């Protein structure tokens, strides 16, 4: 597979706008599941809490084959409470699909996830989802989304986004509301056309930026990241460039993503998303580099969770009448 046939795309949306359901449809359309195979809904939501609450908490990775292309799909959390996860994972992608509910339009968390995509300068494909709802208003939802792009300071190229209209649960996507469609071909075509192929140098010394870590009960700590330069192979010696110290390490197991699974791989090139094990000391933001040329990549800077509180003078006409103890010296008694 050549660079030109690879696409890395993230799905971002306000919570419950149909991201994971659309991923289910993408997987079914590309034959990830056989016709007789029983598949649970929201297959990318892998833990019980996610399925129970109907939200995505941790980023999930899958890969589909469409025609001659390999498309790595990253399903990100839609809730602002998991913003750090969104911000980290977006950096693995070259483009984003922004899902907007045709009835609800752009909501506060739509602003949050879109803002992160725009900050990274990536192209965005807008998918107006759930156009089959009785209260759907796709034209207004699209206008709200365009206004949101402008409010967030998107570039001219980013505001010239392509639009896809979809019914995620039925696996239907089309470029215009009046088009006839029976599958997701329009969405796949748009991804291939508008999301750029990776441009990292294959012949350069190895550099891998670690975006996430997970635990596997059989092989221990697994680092997930993107190969930023060079080539990595199984059993290869690498230099772990951490926040505080550098150590020599060995890649015991190397995986790429195929369909819904991590598949053992002998090697991966720059631009691909990989998982590897054997390096227990690895942390998010670390760089795995060629020992002969250990150059660290900039560490991932994630916005820290914050709580904002404003203390103001009570200007209500009922000020001073809300309780028996209203002065500061009586505050303890009042509480």
Protein backbone atom coordinates (compact mmCIF):
# COMPACT_ATOMS: atom_id res chain seq x y z
CA UNK A 1 0.00 0.00 0.00
CA UNK A 2 1.34 3.42 -0.96
CA UNK A 3 1.11 6.66 0.99
CA UNK A 4 -1.40 7.96 -1.54
CA UNK A 5 -3.85 5.22 -0.57
CA UNK A 6 -3.82 5.95 3.19
CA UNK A 7 -6.19 8.26 5.04
CA UNK A 8 -6.30 9.02 8.78
CA UNK A 9 -9.61 10.57 9.81
CA UNK A 10 -11.15 11.38 13.21
CA UNK A 11 -14.86 11.55 13.99
CA UNK A 12 -15.89 14.45 16.21
CA UNK A 13 -19.31 15.58 17.37
CA UNK A 14 -21.48 16.73 20.23
CA UNK A 15 -22.42 13.77 22.42
CA UNK A 16 -25.27 11.64 20.99
CA UNK A 17 -25.16 13.08 17.47
CA UNK A 18 -24.57 9.63 15.99
CA UNK A 19 -20.79 9.24 15.74
CA UNK A 20 -20.50 5.66 16.90
CA UNK A 21 -23.61 4.60 15.00
CA UNK A 22 -22.10 6.00 11.81
CA UNK A 23 -18.90 4.05 12.50
CA UNK A 24 -21.03 0.90 12.78
CA UNK A 25 -22.42 1.65 9.31
CA UNK A 26 -18.95 2.31 7.86
CA UNK A 27 -17.77 -1.04 9.20
CA UNK A 28 -20.79 -2.91 7.86
CA UNK A 29 -20.58 -1.24 4.44
CA UNK A 30 -16.95 -2.23 3.95
CA UNK A 31 -17.53 -5.86 4.89
CA UNK A 32 -15.88 -5.85 8.29
CA UNK A 33 -18.75 -8.05 9.47
CA UNK A 34 -20.06 -10.98 7.45
CA UNK A 35 -23.71 -11.07 6.45
CA UNK A 36 -24.57 -13.81 8.99
CA UNK A 37 -22.57 -12.30 11.85
CA UNK A 38 -24.50 -10.98 14.84
CA UNK A 39 -23.13 -7.59 15.83
CA UNK A 40 -24.12 -5.43 18.80
CA UNK A 41 -24.98 -1.80 18.17
CA UNK A 42 -22.29 0.78 19.00
CA UNK A 43 -19.64 -1.89 18.41
CA UNK A 44 -16.81 0.65 18.90
CA UNK A 45 -17.97 1.37 22.46
CA UNK A 46 -16.09 -1.48 24.07
CA UNK A 47 -16.68 -1.08 27.78
CA UNK A 48 -19.90 -1.54 29.72
CA UNK A 49 -20.12 2.04 30.97
CA UNK A 50 -19.95 3.41 27.43
CA UNK A 51 -22.73 1.14 26.22
CA UNK A 52 -24.85 1.80 29.31
CA UNK A 53 -24.53 5.59 29.05
CA UNK A 54 -24.58 5.68 25.25
CA UNK A 55 -21.46 7.83 25.02
CA UNK A 56 -17.87 7.36 23.93
CA UNK A 57 -15.35 7.95 26.71
CA UNK A 58 -12.13 6.56 25.27
CA UNK A 59 -10.94 6.94 21.69
CA UNK A 60 -11.32 3.82 19.55
CA UNK A 61 -9.44 2.84 16.42
CA UNK A 62 -10.61 0.87 13.42
CA UNK A 63 -9.53 0.51 9.83
CA UNK A 64 -11.59 -0.12 6.72
CA UNK A 65 -10.72 -0.87 3.12
CA UNK A 66 -12.66 0.98 0.45
CA UNK A 67 -11.64 0.27 -3.12
CA UNK A 68 -7.83 0.65 -3.10
CA UNK A 69 -7.74 2.84 0.02
CA UNK A 70 -7.06 2.09 3.66
CA UNK A 71 -8.93 4.47 5.95
CA UNK A 72 -7.96 4.60 9.63
CA UNK A 73 -10.99 5.75 11.61
CA UNK A 74 -10.66 7.23 15.09
CA UNK A 75 -13.88 7.56 17.08
CA UNK A 76 -13.33 10.31 19.67
CA UNK A 77 -15.39 11.20 22.77
CA UNK A 78 -18.11 13.77 22.17
CA UNK A 79 -18.37 15.02 25.75
CA UNK A 80 -16.34 18.05 26.80
CA UNK A 81 -15.52 16.28 30.07
CA UNK A 82 -13.18 14.08 28.03
CA UNK A 83 -11.61 16.99 26.16
CA UNK A 84 -8.06 15.86 26.84
CA UNK A 85 -8.78 12.60 25.07
CA UNK A 86 -10.22 14.47 22.06
CA UNK A 87 -7.27 16.85 21.84
CA UNK A 88 -4.65 14.09 22.00
CA UNK A 89 -6.31 11.83 19.48
CA UNK A 90 -7.06 14.53 16.93
CA UNK A 91 -3.31 14.95 16.50
CA UNK A 92 -3.14 11.46 15.03
CA UNK A 93 -5.46 12.37 12.15
CA UNK A 94 -5.07 14.36 8.94
CA UNK A 95 -8.72 15.37 8.73
CA UNK A 96 -11.98 15.22 10.66
CA UNK A 97 -15.60 14.31 10.10
CA UNK A 98 -17.81 16.68 12.10
CA UNK A 99 -21.23 15.17 12.73
CA UNK A 100 -24.11 17.54 13.39
CA UNK A 101 -27.63 16.39 14.26
CA UNK A 102 -30.03 17.67 11.59
CA UNK A 103 -32.63 18.53 14.24
CA UNK A 104 -30.49 19.81 17.11
CA UNK A 105 -27.94 21.68 15.02
CA UNK A 106 -24.65 22.94 16.41
CA UNK A 107 -24.52 22.60 20.21
CA UNK A 108 -21.95 23.71 22.83
CA UNK A 109 -19.82 20.58 22.57
CA UNK A 110 -19.92 20.84 18.79
CA UNK A 111 -18.12 24.14 19.31
CA UNK A 112 -15.55 22.50 21.58
CA UNK A 113 -14.58 19.60 19.29
CA UNK A 114 -14.68 21.74 16.15
CA UNK A 115 -12.49 24.37 17.80
CA UNK A 116 -9.82 21.75 18.49
CA UNK A 117 -9.90 20.61 14.85
CA UNK A 118 -9.60 24.17 13.56
CA UNK A 119 -6.69 24.92 15.91
CA UNK A 120 -4.80 22.02 14.36
CA UNK A 121 -5.47 23.39 10.87
CA UNK A 122 -7.01 20.18 9.60
CA UNK A 123 -9.66 19.98 6.86
CA UNK A 124 -13.15 19.22 8.15
CA UNK A 125 -15.96 17.38 6.38
CA UNK A 126 -19.37 18.32 7.79
CA UNK A 127 -21.87 15.46 8.02
CA UNK A 128 -25.46 16.53 8.70
CA UNK A 129 -26.72 13.34 10.32
CA UNK A 130 -30.19 12.01 11.15
CA UNK A 131 -31.88 13.79 8.23
CA UNK A 132 -34.73 11.26 8.53
CA UNK A 133 -35.93 12.73 11.82
CA UNK A 134 -39.39 14.27 11.69
CA UNK A 135 -38.07 17.48 13.21
CA UNK A 136 -34.97 17.58 11.00
CA UNK A 137 -33.93 21.02 9.72
CA UNK A 138 -30.77 20.27 7.73
CA UNK A 139 -30.49 23.66 6.03
CA UNK A 140 -30.64 25.55 9.32
CA UNK A 141 -28.21 23.10 10.92
CA UNK A 142 -25.75 23.69 8.07
CA UNK A 143 -26.07 27.48 8.43
CA UNK A 144 -25.45 27.24 12.19
CA UNK A 145 -22.38 25.11 11.53
CA UNK A 146 -20.98 27.58 8.99
CA UNK A 147 -21.49 30.43 11.46
CA UNK A 148 -19.66 28.37 14.07
CA UNK A 149 -16.69 27.90 11.72
CA UNK A 150 -16.53 31.67 11.27
CA UNK A 151 -16.83 32.37 15.01
CA UNK A 152 -13.94 29.99 15.70
CA UNK A 153 -11.65 31.76 13.26
CA UNK A 154 -11.48 29.03 10.62
CA UNK A 155 -9.38 29.73 7.54
CA UNK A 156 -10.91 30.29 4.12
CA UNK A 157 -9.95 26.73 3.16
CA UNK A 158 -11.61 25.32 6.28
CA UNK A 159 -14.84 27.29 5.78
CA UNK A 160 -15.05 25.92 2.24
CA UNK A 161 -15.96 22.54 3.72
CA UNK A 162 -17.79 19.78 1.85
CA UNK A 163 -21.17 18.73 3.23
CA UNK A 164 -22.61 15.24 3.40
CA UNK A 165 -26.20 14.46 4.40
CA UNK A 166 -26.54 11.13 6.18
CA UNK A 167 -28.80 8.64 7.89
CA UNK A 168 -26.17 6.90 9.95
CA UNK A 169 -28.30 4.07 11.29
CA UNK A 170 -29.33 3.08 7.76
CA UNK A 171 -25.88 3.50 6.23
CA UNK A 172 -26.92 6.20 3.73
CA UNK A 173 -24.94 9.29 2.73
CA UNK A 174 -25.39 11.79 -0.11
CA UNK A 175 -23.92 15.06 -1.28
CA UNK A 176 -27.29 16.82 -1.69
CA UNK A 177 -30.66 16.35 -0.02
CA UNK A 178 -32.29 15.66 -3.37
CA UNK A 179 -29.83 12.92 -4.35
CA UNK A 180 -30.83 9.27 -4.31
CA UNK A 181 -28.47 7.07 -2.31
CA UNK A 182 -28.47 3.58 -0.88
CA UNK A 183 -25.02 3.40 0.72
CA UNK A 184 -22.11 5.45 2.07
CA UNK A 185 -20.20 5.83 -1.20
CA UNK A 186 -20.59 9.62 -1.18
CA UNK A 187 -18.95 9.80 2.25
CA UNK A 188 -16.05 7.54 1.30
CA UNK A 189 -15.46 9.51 -1.91
CA UNK A 190 -15.39 12.78 0.03
CA UNK A 191 -12.92 11.41 2.59
CA UNK A 192 -10.58 10.28 -0.19
CA UNK A 193 -10.92 13.61 -2.02
CA UNK A 194 -10.64 16.03 0.91
CA UNK A 195 -8.52 14.37 3.60
CA UNK A 196 -4.85 14.52 2.55
CA UNK A 197 -2.61 11.48 2.50
CA UNK A 198 0.22 11.42 5.07
CA UNK A 199 3.27 13.45 4.11
CA UNK A 200 5.84 12.26 6.65
CA UNK A 201 9.30 11.26 5.36
CA UNK A 202 9.78 7.50 5.06
CA UNK A 203 13.55 7.65 4.56
CA UNK A 204 14.24 9.73 7.69
CA UNK A 205 15.33 8.32 11.10
CA UNK A 206 12.51 6.74 13.08
CA UNK A 207 10.20 8.95 15.18
CA UNK A 208 6.96 7.78 16.79
CA UNK A 209 4.84 10.11 18.93
CA UNK A 210 2.82 8.28 21.59
CA UNK A 211 -0.74 9.59 21.77
CA UNK A 212 -2.34 7.04 24.07
CA UNK A 213 -1.61 4.03 26.25
CA UNK A 214 -3.86 1.10 27.18
CA UNK A 215 -3.39 -2.05 29.21
CA UNK A 216 -3.65 -5.52 27.70
CA UNK A 217 -3.95 -8.42 30.13
CA UNK A 218 -1.70 -10.59 27.98
CA UNK A 219 1.05 -8.28 26.71
CA UNK A 220 0.96 -5.50 29.30
CA UNK A 221 1.20 -1.83 28.47
CA UNK A 222 0.39 -0.94 24.86
CA UNK A 223 1.42 2.39 23.37
CA UNK A 224 -0.66 3.78 20.51
CA UNK A 225 0.75 6.45 18.26
CA UNK A 226 1.57 7.60 14.78
CA UNK A 227 4.81 6.96 12.96
CA UNK A 228 6.05 10.47 12.20
CA UNK A 229 9.18 9.48 10.30
CA UNK A 230 10.98 6.40 9.10
CA UNK A 231 9.98 2.78 9.55
CA UNK A 232 9.46 0.64 12.65
CA UNK A 233 9.81 -3.14 12.82
CA UNK A 234 9.04 -5.81 15.37
CA UNK A 235 11.96 -6.55 17.75
CA UNK A 236 13.59 -3.25 16.77
CA UNK A 237 15.75 -1.37 19.27
CA UNK A 238 14.51 2.17 19.92
CA UNK A 239 15.33 5.06 22.22
CA UNK A 240 12.51 6.13 24.54
CA UNK A 241 12.69 9.90 24.94
CA UNK A 242 10.61 10.65 28.02
CA UNK A 243 9.80 13.81 29.92
CA UNK A 244 12.54 13.21 32.49
CA UNK A 245 14.90 10.54 31.14
CA UNK A 246 15.85 8.60 28.02
CA UNK A 247 16.22 4.82 27.99
CA UNK A 248 17.04 2.13 25.46
CA UNK A 249 14.08 -0.14 24.73
CA UNK A 250 12.86 -2.87 22.41
CA UNK A 251 9.61 -3.14 20.45
CA UNK A 252 8.47 -6.64 21.44
CA UNK A 253 5.15 -6.59 19.58
CA UNK A 254 4.02 -4.36 16.74
CA UNK A 255 0.44 -4.00 15.55
CA UNK A 256 -1.45 -2.10 12.90
CA UNK A 257 -5.22 -1.67 12.87
CA UNK A 258 -7.25 -3.79 10.48
CA UNK A 259 -11.02 -3.71 10.74
CA UNK A 260 -11.81 -3.76 14.49
CA UNK A 261 -8.66 -5.52 15.60
CA UNK A 262 -5.00 -4.99 16.32
CA UNK A 263 -3.15 -7.16 13.82
CA UNK A 264 0.44 -8.31 14.31
CA UNK A 265 2.69 -6.56 11.80
CA UNK A 266 6.32 -7.01 10.83
CA UNK A 267 6.72 -3.33 9.98
CA UNK A 268 4.97 0.01 9.55
CA UNK A 269 5.88 3.20 7.71
CA UNK A 270 5.62 6.89 8.48
CA UNK A 271 2.02 8.08 8.40
CA UNK A 272 0.44 4.91 9.76
CA UNK A 273 -1.23 4.52 13.15
CA UNK A 274 0.30 1.70 15.15
CA UNK A 275 0.28 0.01 18.55
CA UNK A 276 3.30 -1.55 20.19
CA UNK A 277 4.23 -3.26 23.44
CA UNK A 278 7.32 -4.20 25.37
CA UNK A 279 8.10 -0.73 26.73
CA UNK A 280 6.51 -0.46 30.17
CA UNK A 281 8.06 2.94 30.90
CA UNK A 282 6.39 4.65 27.95
CA UNK A 283 3.96 7.50 28.68
CA UNK A 284 1.67 9.69 26.62
CA UNK A 285 3.69 12.37 24.84
CA UNK A 286 6.93 10.36 24.72
CA UNK A 287 8.89 9.88 21.50
CA UNK A 288 10.28 6.56 20.30
CA UNK A 289 13.27 7.30 18.11
CA UNK A 290 16.17 5.77 16.23
CA UNK A 291 18.97 5.13 18.80
CA UNK A 292 21.51 6.40 16.28
CA UNK A 293 19.64 9.69 15.89
CA UNK A 294 17.43 10.21 18.98
CA UNK A 295 15.50 13.40 18.25
CA UNK A 296 12.38 14.03 20.35
CA UNK A 297 9.18 15.37 18.85
CA UNK A 298 7.37 18.22 20.64
CA UNK A 299 5.41 16.76 23.54
CA UNK A 300 1.66 16.79 23.30
CA UNK A 301 0.33 19.84 25.13
CA UNK A 302 -3.17 19.13 26.39
CA UNK A 303 -5.38 21.81 27.88
CA UNK A 304 -5.82 21.07 31.58
CA UNK A 305 -9.36 20.64 32.93
CA UNK A 306 -10.50 23.84 34.62
CA UNK A 307 -13.46 25.14 36.59
CA UNK A 308 -14.34 28.79 36.20
CA UNK A 309 -16.18 30.57 39.02
CA UNK A 310 -17.23 34.22 39.14
CA UNK A 311 -17.92 35.96 42.47
CA UNK A 312 -20.20 38.98 42.07
CA UNK A 313 -22.03 41.39 44.32
CA UNK A 314 -25.64 40.32 44.75
CA UNK A 315 -27.58 42.93 42.76
CA UNK A 316 -30.95 41.23 43.10
CA UNK A 317 -33.85 43.38 44.37
CA UNK A 318 -34.24 40.67 47.03
CA UNK A 319 -30.66 41.08 48.26
CA UNK A 320 -30.49 40.96 52.03
CA UNK A 321 -33.87 39.29 52.32
CA UNK A 322 -32.83 35.72 51.58
CA UNK A 323 -32.11 34.61 55.13
CA UNK A 324 -31.82 35.52 58.77
CA UNK A 325 -28.00 35.79 58.69
CA UNK A 326 -26.91 38.06 55.82
CA UNK A 327 -23.69 39.68 57.03
CA UNK A 328 -20.22 38.20 56.61
CA UNK A 329 -19.67 37.70 60.34
CA UNK A 330 -22.81 35.53 60.43
CA UNK A 331 -21.82 33.55 57.36
CA UNK A 332 -20.72 30.46 59.31
CA UNK A 333 -24.00 30.37 61.22
CA UNK A 334 -25.96 30.81 58.00
CA UNK A 335 -24.16 27.90 56.34
